[in-house]
Amino acid sequence: MDDGVLDIVTEERGGIFTLILKGTVNITTSPRLRRAVLSAFEKGVQAVLLEITGVSQMDSSALATLVEGMQLAEQTHRHFALAGHMDEKIFHLLQITHLEDLFPLYPSLEQAMQTVSTPPHSQAREAD
C-alpha cells in the first residue's frame, strides 16, 4: 500500500460517529484524519470511534491527532476510542510513547459501540 494513502469511511448512528480507517496515517494523511475527528465532535455526537484494523502504519503526527481527539473528548465529556485489531508496530509505537493506556481500546467496533452507548457520567460528575 502507498505510504500516502488513507481511506476514511464515516458513519453516524445513534449519537455514535465511527471512522473506519484503512491505510497509512502519517504526516501526509493525518490532517484528513484530524479534520474528520474534529468534524465528528462538532456534530455533537456522544462518541467518536476509530476502527483501526485496516491501518498499516502510524507516525508521530497520527499520535498527535489521536491525543487531540482524546483531549477534546475529555473536555466535552464524550467518548473517544480505538477499536479493532491493532497492528503490532502501531501498538509498539503507543508503548514506546507511553500512550497505550491513554486510549480505550476495544477488540471490535461492535463492542466499542455497546460500551459507549451511554454518556460517560462519571467524567461529567468529576468536572462538576
Protein backbone atom coordinates (compact mmCIF):
# COMPACT_ATOMS: atom_id res chain seq x y z
CA MET A 1 0.00 0.00 0.00
CA ASP A 2 1.21 3.50 -0.86
CA ASP A 3 2.59 5.37 2.17
CA GLY A 4 0.38 8.37 1.43
CA VAL A 5 -2.99 6.61 1.15
CA LEU A 6 -5.63 6.73 3.85
CA ASP A 7 -9.25 5.77 3.25
CA ILE A 8 -11.77 7.03 5.80
CA VAL A 9 -15.33 5.72 5.78
CA THR A 10 -17.64 7.53 8.19
CA GLU A 11 -20.99 6.63 9.67
CA GLU A 12 -23.18 8.22 12.31
CA ARG A 13 -25.68 6.10 14.17
CA GLY A 14 -27.45 6.78 17.43
CA GLY A 15 -25.10 9.52 18.59
CA ILE A 16 -22.00 7.46 17.79
CA PHE A 17 -19.73 8.56 14.96
CA THR A 18 -17.44 5.89 13.53
CA LEU A 19 -14.44 6.39 11.31
CA ILE A 20 -13.25 3.22 9.62
CA LEU A 21 -9.63 3.73 8.64
CA LYS A 22 -7.61 1.86 6.04
CA GLY A 23 -4.05 2.63 5.05
CA THR A 24 -1.30 4.79 6.50
CA VAL A 25 -1.73 7.65 8.96
CA ASN A 26 1.31 9.88 8.63
CA ILE A 27 2.35 13.49 8.13
CA THR A 28 0.66 13.48 4.72
CA THR A 29 -2.64 11.88 5.72
CA SER A 30 -3.10 12.84 9.38
CA PRO A 31 -4.59 16.27 8.54
CA ARG A 32 -7.50 14.46 6.84
CA LEU A 33 -7.99 12.29 9.92
CA ARG A 34 -7.81 15.36 12.17
CA ARG A 35 -10.48 17.15 10.12
CA ALA A 36 -12.70 14.07 10.24
CA VAL A 37 -12.34 13.72 14.04
CA LEU A 38 -12.99 17.42 14.69
CA SER A 39 -15.97 17.39 12.33
CA ALA A 40 -17.43 14.42 14.19
CA PHE A 41 -17.19 16.22 17.54
CA GLU A 42 -18.68 19.38 16.01
CA LYS A 43 -21.79 17.34 15.15
CA GLY A 44 -22.39 16.95 18.88
CA VAL A 45 -22.19 13.16 18.96
CA GLN A 46 -21.61 11.43 22.28
CA ALA A 47 -18.82 9.21 20.96
CA VAL A 48 -16.20 9.09 18.21
CA LEU A 49 -14.79 5.65 17.46
CA LEU A 50 -11.86 4.89 15.18
CA GLU A 51 -11.86 1.40 13.65
CA ILE A 52 -8.15 0.79 13.06
CA THR A 53 -7.94 -2.80 11.83
CA GLY A 54 -7.02 -1.57 8.35
CA VAL A 55 -4.29 0.83 9.50
CA SER A 56 -0.88 -0.46 8.46
CA GLN A 57 1.32 2.37 9.79
CA MET A 58 1.21 5.43 12.04
CA ASP A 59 3.75 8.11 12.82
CA SER A 60 4.04 10.85 15.42
CA SER A 61 1.63 13.13 13.55
CA ALA A 62 -1.00 10.37 13.78
CA LEU A 63 -0.39 10.10 17.52
CA ALA A 64 -0.81 13.86 17.87
CA THR A 65 -4.17 13.62 16.12
CA LEU A 66 -5.29 10.80 18.42
CA VAL A 67 -4.18 12.69 21.52
CA GLU A 68 -6.05 15.79 20.33
CA GLY A 69 -9.19 13.70 19.83
CA MET A 70 -8.88 12.21 23.31
CA GLN A 71 -8.35 15.64 24.88
CA LEU A 72 -11.39 17.04 23.09
CA ALA A 73 -13.49 14.11 24.27
CA GLU A 74 -12.39 14.63 27.87
CA GLN A 75 -13.03 18.39 27.72
CA THR A 76 -16.55 17.86 26.37
CA HIS A 77 -17.39 14.75 28.47
CA ARG A 78 -17.67 12.46 25.49
CA HIS A 79 -16.11 9.19 24.39
CA PHE A 80 -13.15 8.71 22.06
CA ALA A 81 -11.87 5.19 21.50
CA LEU A 82 -9.94 2.91 19.18
CA ALA A 83 -11.49 -0.35 18.03
CA GLY A 84 -10.40 -3.39 16.08
CA HIS A 85 -7.19 -5.35 15.76
CA MET A 86 -4.18 -3.09 16.12
CA ASP A 87 -1.08 -3.82 14.06
CA GLU A 88 1.81 -4.86 16.31
CA LYS A 89 4.00 -1.99 15.05
CA ILE A 90 1.32 0.53 15.96
CA PHE A 91 0.86 -0.92 19.44
CA HIS A 92 4.65 -0.80 19.91
CA LEU A 93 4.59 2.90 18.91
CA LEU A 94 1.92 3.54 21.56
CA GLN A 95 4.02 1.67 24.12
CA ILE A 96 7.28 3.49 23.49
CA THR A 97 5.47 6.84 23.68
CA HIS A 98 3.63 5.73 26.86
CA LEU A 99 0.24 6.29 25.23
CA GLU A 100 -1.09 2.73 25.29
CA ASP A 101 -3.18 3.42 28.40
CA LEU A 102 -4.48 6.80 27.23
CA PHE A 103 -6.96 5.44 24.68
CA PRO A 104 -9.73 2.98 25.39
CA LEU A 105 -9.01 0.01 23.11
CA TYR A 106 -11.76 -2.42 22.09
CA PRO A 107 -11.30 -5.67 20.16
CA SER A 108 -14.20 -4.83 17.83
CA LEU A 109 -16.25 -1.87 16.71
CA GLU A 110 -19.40 -3.62 17.95
CA GLN A 111 -18.00 -3.98 21.47
CA ALA A 112 -16.91 -0.33 21.47
CA MET A 113 -20.37 0.78 20.33
CA GLN A 114 -22.04 -1.20 23.10
CA THR A 115 -19.72 0.24 25.73
CA VAL A 116 -20.05 3.87 24.68
CA SER A 117 -23.79 3.82 24.05
CA THR A 118 -24.31 5.81 27.26
CA PRO A 119 -22.68 9.16 28.13
CA PRO A 120 -19.59 9.00 30.37
CA HIS A 121 -21.48 10.02 33.54
CA SER A 122 -18.52 9.58 35.86
CA GLN A 123 -16.46 12.10 33.86
CA ALA A 124 -19.32 14.58 33.89
CA ARG A 125 -19.66 14.28 37.68
CA GLU A 126 -15.94 14.74 38.25
CA ALA A 127 -15.99 18.01 36.30
CA ASP A 128 -18.83 19.50 38.38
